[in-house]
Amino acid sequence: MQTIALLLAGSLLTAPEDKPNIPDYFDGNGKSHQPKIALCNLNGEDVNGPFKTCRYDCGESLTIGVRLVCPFVLRDRRRR
């Protein structure tokens, strides 16, 4: 229990510049004033046994378990 408390205290005392920067995916103040990411829309689902394939309009596809719901997909606009 003391070890956990020491680890938590150490992580709180770490200087902010030691932590990695989180990229600004939405680029609100950038030159383009357009989001760097796009939301892909679900086009269809195919069920094959215990698996479901989710197809999106941006060309992405995911294979997940049949009981799961197809997730939202965000795609980097620079990667086309």
N, C-alpha and C. Protein backbone atom coordinates (compact mmCIF):
# COMPACT_ATOMS: atom_id res chain seq x y z
N MET A 1 0.82 -1.19 0.00
CA MET A 1 0.00 0.00 0.00
C MET A 1 0.87 1.26 0.00
N GLN A 2 1.98 1.20 0.75
CA GLN A 2 2.87 2.36 0.79
C GLN A 2 3.54 2.57 -0.56
N THR A 3 3.82 1.48 -1.25
CA THR A 3 4.46 1.58 -2.56
C THR A 3 3.55 2.30 -3.55
N ILE A 4 2.27 1.97 -3.52
CA ILE A 4 1.31 2.62 -4.41
C ILE A 4 1.22 4.10 -4.09
N ALA A 5 1.18 4.44 -2.81
CA ALA A 5 1.10 5.85 -2.41
C ALA A 5 2.35 6.60 -2.86
N LEU A 6 3.51 5.98 -2.75
CA LEU A 6 4.75 6.64 -3.18
C LEU A 6 4.78 6.83 -4.69
N LEU A 7 4.30 5.85 -5.44
CA LEU A 7 4.26 5.99 -6.89
C LEU A 7 3.32 7.11 -7.32
N LEU A 8 2.16 7.19 -6.67
CA LEU A 8 1.21 8.25 -6.99
C LEU A 8 1.77 9.62 -6.64
N ALA A 9 2.40 9.72 -5.48
CA ALA A 9 2.98 10.99 -5.07
C ALA A 9 4.11 11.40 -6.02
N GLY A 10 4.91 10.45 -6.45
CA GLY A 10 5.99 10.74 -7.38
C GLY A 10 5.48 11.21 -8.73
N SER A 11 4.38 10.63 -9.19
CA SER A 11 3.84 11.05 -10.48
C SER A 11 3.23 12.44 -10.40
N LEU A 12 2.71 12.82 -9.24
CA LEU A 12 2.14 14.16 -9.08
C LEU A 12 3.23 15.22 -8.97
N LEU A 13 4.39 14.85 -8.46
CA LEU A 13 5.47 15.80 -8.27
C LEU A 13 6.36 15.95 -9.51
N THR A 14 6.12 15.17 -10.53
CA THR A 14 6.91 15.26 -11.75
C THR A 14 6.61 16.58 -12.45
N ALA A 15 7.63 17.24 -12.94
CA ALA A 15 7.46 18.52 -13.63
C ALA A 15 6.67 18.31 -14.93
N PRO A 16 5.80 19.24 -15.30
CA PRO A 16 4.99 19.08 -16.51
C PRO A 16 5.82 18.94 -17.78
N GLU A 17 7.00 19.57 -17.84
CA GLU A 17 7.80 19.48 -19.06
C GLU A 17 8.43 18.11 -19.23
N ASP A 18 8.39 17.28 -18.19
CA ASP A 18 8.92 15.92 -18.29
C ASP A 18 7.91 14.97 -18.93
N LYS A 19 6.68 15.39 -19.01
CA LYS A 19 5.63 14.53 -19.57
C LYS A 19 5.51 14.79 -21.07
N PRO A 20 5.08 13.81 -21.85
CA PRO A 20 4.98 14.01 -23.30
C PRO A 20 3.88 15.00 -23.65
N ASN A 21 4.09 15.75 -24.72
CA ASN A 21 3.08 16.68 -25.19
C ASN A 21 1.98 15.92 -25.92
N ILE A 22 0.76 16.33 -25.73
CA ILE A 22 -0.37 15.74 -26.43
C ILE A 22 -0.58 16.54 -27.71
N PRO A 23 -0.57 15.91 -28.87
CA PRO A 23 -0.74 16.66 -30.11
C PRO A 23 -2.12 17.30 -30.21
N ASP A 24 -2.18 18.47 -30.82
CA ASP A 24 -3.44 19.16 -31.03
C ASP A 24 -4.03 18.68 -32.35
N TYR A 25 -4.87 17.66 -32.28
CA TYR A 25 -5.42 17.07 -33.49
C TYR A 25 -6.39 18.00 -34.20
N PHE A 26 -7.00 18.90 -33.46
CA PHE A 26 -8.02 19.75 -34.06
C PHE A 26 -7.45 21.06 -34.60
N ASP A 27 -6.22 21.40 -34.27
CA ASP A 27 -5.50 22.54 -34.85
C ASP A 27 -6.37 23.79 -34.89
N GLY A 28 -6.98 24.14 -33.76
CA GLY A 28 -7.90 25.27 -33.72
C GLY A 28 -7.25 26.60 -34.02
N ASN A 29 -5.98 26.78 -33.70
CA ASN A 29 -5.31 28.05 -33.92
C ASN A 29 -4.26 27.96 -35.02
N GLY A 30 -4.28 26.92 -35.78
CA GLY A 30 -3.27 26.72 -36.81
C GLY A 30 -3.55 27.53 -38.06
N LYS A 31 -2.69 27.37 -39.06
CA LYS A 31 -2.81 28.12 -40.30
C LYS A 31 -4.02 27.70 -41.11
N SER A 32 -4.35 26.42 -41.07
CA SER A 32 -5.41 25.91 -41.93
C SER A 32 -6.80 26.18 -41.38
N HIS A 33 -6.93 26.30 -40.08
CA HIS A 33 -8.22 26.46 -39.40
C HIS A 33 -9.19 25.35 -39.76
N GLN A 34 -8.67 24.20 -40.18
CA GLN A 34 -9.47 23.02 -40.44
C GLN A 34 -8.96 21.91 -39.55
N PRO A 35 -9.84 21.05 -39.11
CA PRO A 35 -9.39 19.94 -38.27
C PRO A 35 -8.39 19.06 -39.00
N LYS A 36 -7.43 18.54 -38.26
CA LYS A 36 -6.46 17.62 -38.84
C LYS A 36 -7.03 16.21 -38.93
N ILE A 37 -8.14 15.96 -38.24
CA ILE A 37 -8.74 14.64 -38.27
C ILE A 37 -10.15 14.72 -38.83
N ALA A 38 -10.63 13.63 -39.35
CA ALA A 38 -11.98 13.55 -39.90
C ALA A 38 -12.69 12.36 -39.28
N LEU A 39 -13.96 12.51 -39.06
CA LEU A 39 -14.78 11.42 -38.55
C LEU A 39 -15.26 10.59 -39.73
N CYS A 40 -14.97 9.30 -39.71
CA CYS A 40 -15.40 8.39 -40.78
C CYS A 40 -16.80 7.89 -40.46
N ASN A 41 -17.66 7.87 -41.46
CA ASN A 41 -19.04 7.40 -41.28
C ASN A 41 -19.14 5.92 -41.59
N LEU A 42 -19.95 5.22 -40.81
CA LEU A 42 -20.15 3.79 -41.00
C LEU A 42 -20.98 3.54 -42.26
N ASN A 43 -20.45 2.74 -43.18
CA ASN A 43 -21.16 2.39 -44.41
C ASN A 43 -21.94 1.09 -44.29
N GLY A 44 -21.39 0.12 -43.57
CA GLY A 44 -22.06 -1.16 -43.47
C GLY A 44 -21.36 -2.10 -42.52
N GLU A 45 -22.08 -3.18 -42.20
CA GLU A 45 -21.56 -4.21 -41.31
C GLU A 45 -21.80 -5.57 -41.95
N ASP A 46 -20.81 -6.46 -41.87
CA ASP A 46 -20.95 -7.83 -42.34
C ASP A 46 -20.68 -8.75 -41.17
N VAL A 47 -21.58 -9.72 -40.94
CA VAL A 47 -21.40 -10.68 -39.85
C VAL A 47 -20.95 -12.00 -40.45
N ASN A 48 -19.87 -12.54 -39.88
CA ASN A 48 -19.33 -13.82 -40.33
C ASN A 48 -18.98 -14.64 -39.10
N GLY A 49 -19.91 -15.48 -38.65
CA GLY A 49 -19.70 -16.29 -37.45
C GLY A 49 -19.59 -15.40 -36.22
N PRO A 50 -18.52 -15.55 -35.44
CA PRO A 50 -18.38 -14.76 -34.21
C PRO A 50 -17.77 -13.38 -34.46
N PHE A 51 -17.58 -13.01 -35.74
CA PHE A 51 -16.93 -11.74 -36.06
C PHE A 51 -17.86 -10.83 -36.85
N LYS A 52 -17.63 -9.54 -36.72
CA LYS A 52 -18.35 -8.52 -37.47
C LYS A 52 -17.31 -7.60 -38.10
N THR A 53 -17.47 -7.29 -39.38
CA THR A 53 -16.59 -6.35 -40.06
C THR A 53 -17.34 -5.05 -40.26
N CYS A 54 -16.77 -3.96 -39.75
CA CYS A 54 -17.35 -2.63 -39.88
C CYS A 54 -16.63 -1.91 -41.02
N ARG A 55 -17.39 -1.41 -42.01
CA ARG A 55 -16.81 -0.70 -43.15
C ARG A 55 -17.18 0.78 -43.05
N TYR A 56 -16.20 1.65 -43.34
CA TYR A 56 -16.38 3.09 -43.22
C TYR A 56 -16.14 3.77 -44.56
N ASP A 57 -16.70 4.98 -44.73
CA ASP A 57 -16.61 5.71 -45.99
C ASP A 57 -15.22 6.24 -46.30
N CYS A 58 -14.32 6.23 -45.33
CA CYS A 58 -12.96 6.72 -45.57
C CYS A 58 -12.02 5.59 -45.98
N GLY A 59 -12.55 4.40 -46.23
CA GLY A 59 -11.74 3.28 -46.68
C GLY A 59 -11.25 2.38 -45.57
N GLU A 60 -11.53 2.72 -44.33
CA GLU A 60 -11.10 1.91 -43.19
C GLU A 60 -12.08 0.77 -42.98
N SER A 61 -11.61 -0.34 -42.42
CA SER A 61 -12.49 -1.43 -42.00
C SER A 61 -11.90 -2.04 -40.74
N LEU A 62 -12.77 -2.46 -39.84
CA LEU A 62 -12.38 -3.07 -38.58
C LEU A 62 -13.11 -4.38 -38.41
N THR A 63 -12.45 -5.40 -37.89
CA THR A 63 -13.09 -6.66 -37.57
C THR A 63 -13.14 -6.78 -36.06
N ILE A 64 -14.36 -6.93 -35.53
CA ILE A 64 -14.57 -6.99 -34.09
C ILE A 64 -15.47 -8.17 -33.77
N GLY A 65 -15.71 -8.41 -32.50
CA GLY A 65 -16.63 -9.46 -32.07
C GLY A 65 -18.05 -9.11 -32.45
N VAL A 66 -18.86 -10.13 -32.73
CA VAL A 66 -20.22 -9.92 -33.22
C VAL A 66 -21.10 -9.21 -32.19
N ARG A 67 -20.80 -9.33 -30.91
CA ARG A 67 -21.62 -8.70 -29.88
C ARG A 67 -21.27 -7.23 -29.64
N LEU A 68 -20.19 -6.76 -30.22
CA LEU A 68 -19.76 -5.38 -30.03
C LEU A 68 -20.42 -4.45 -31.03
N VAL A 69 -20.47 -3.17 -30.69
CA VAL A 69 -21.00 -2.14 -31.58
C VAL A 69 -19.83 -1.54 -32.35
N CYS A 70 -20.03 -1.26 -33.63
CA CYS A 70 -18.97 -0.65 -34.43
C CYS A 70 -18.58 0.70 -33.82
N PRO A 71 -17.29 0.91 -33.58
CA PRO A 71 -16.85 2.15 -32.92
C PRO A 71 -16.74 3.31 -33.90
N PHE A 72 -16.63 4.52 -33.34
CA PHE A 72 -16.32 5.69 -34.15
C PHE A 72 -14.88 5.58 -34.63
N VAL A 73 -14.62 6.03 -35.83
CA VAL A 73 -13.26 6.00 -36.36
C VAL A 73 -12.87 7.42 -36.75
N LEU A 74 -11.73 7.87 -36.24
CA LEU A 74 -11.18 9.16 -36.60
C LEU A 74 -9.95 8.90 -37.47
N ARG A 75 -9.84 9.63 -38.56
CA ARG A 75 -8.72 9.42 -39.48
C ARG A 75 -7.97 10.72 -39.70
N ASP A 76 -6.67 10.62 -39.75
CA ASP A 76 -5.81 11.76 -40.00
C ASP A 76 -6.00 12.20 -41.44
N ARG A 77 -6.37 13.46 -41.66
CA ARG A 77 -6.63 13.95 -43.01
C ARG A 77 -5.38 13.99 -43.87
N ARG A 78 -4.21 14.08 -43.26
CA ARG A 78 -2.97 14.13 -44.03
C ARG A 78 -2.62 12.76 -44.58
N ARG A 79 -3.23 11.69 -44.08
CA ARG A 79 -2.90 10.33 -44.49
C ARG A 79 -3.91 9.83 -45.52
N ARG A 80 -3.80 10.23 -46.73
CA ARG A 80 -4.75 9.80 -47.76
C ARG A 80 -4.10 9.04 -48.83
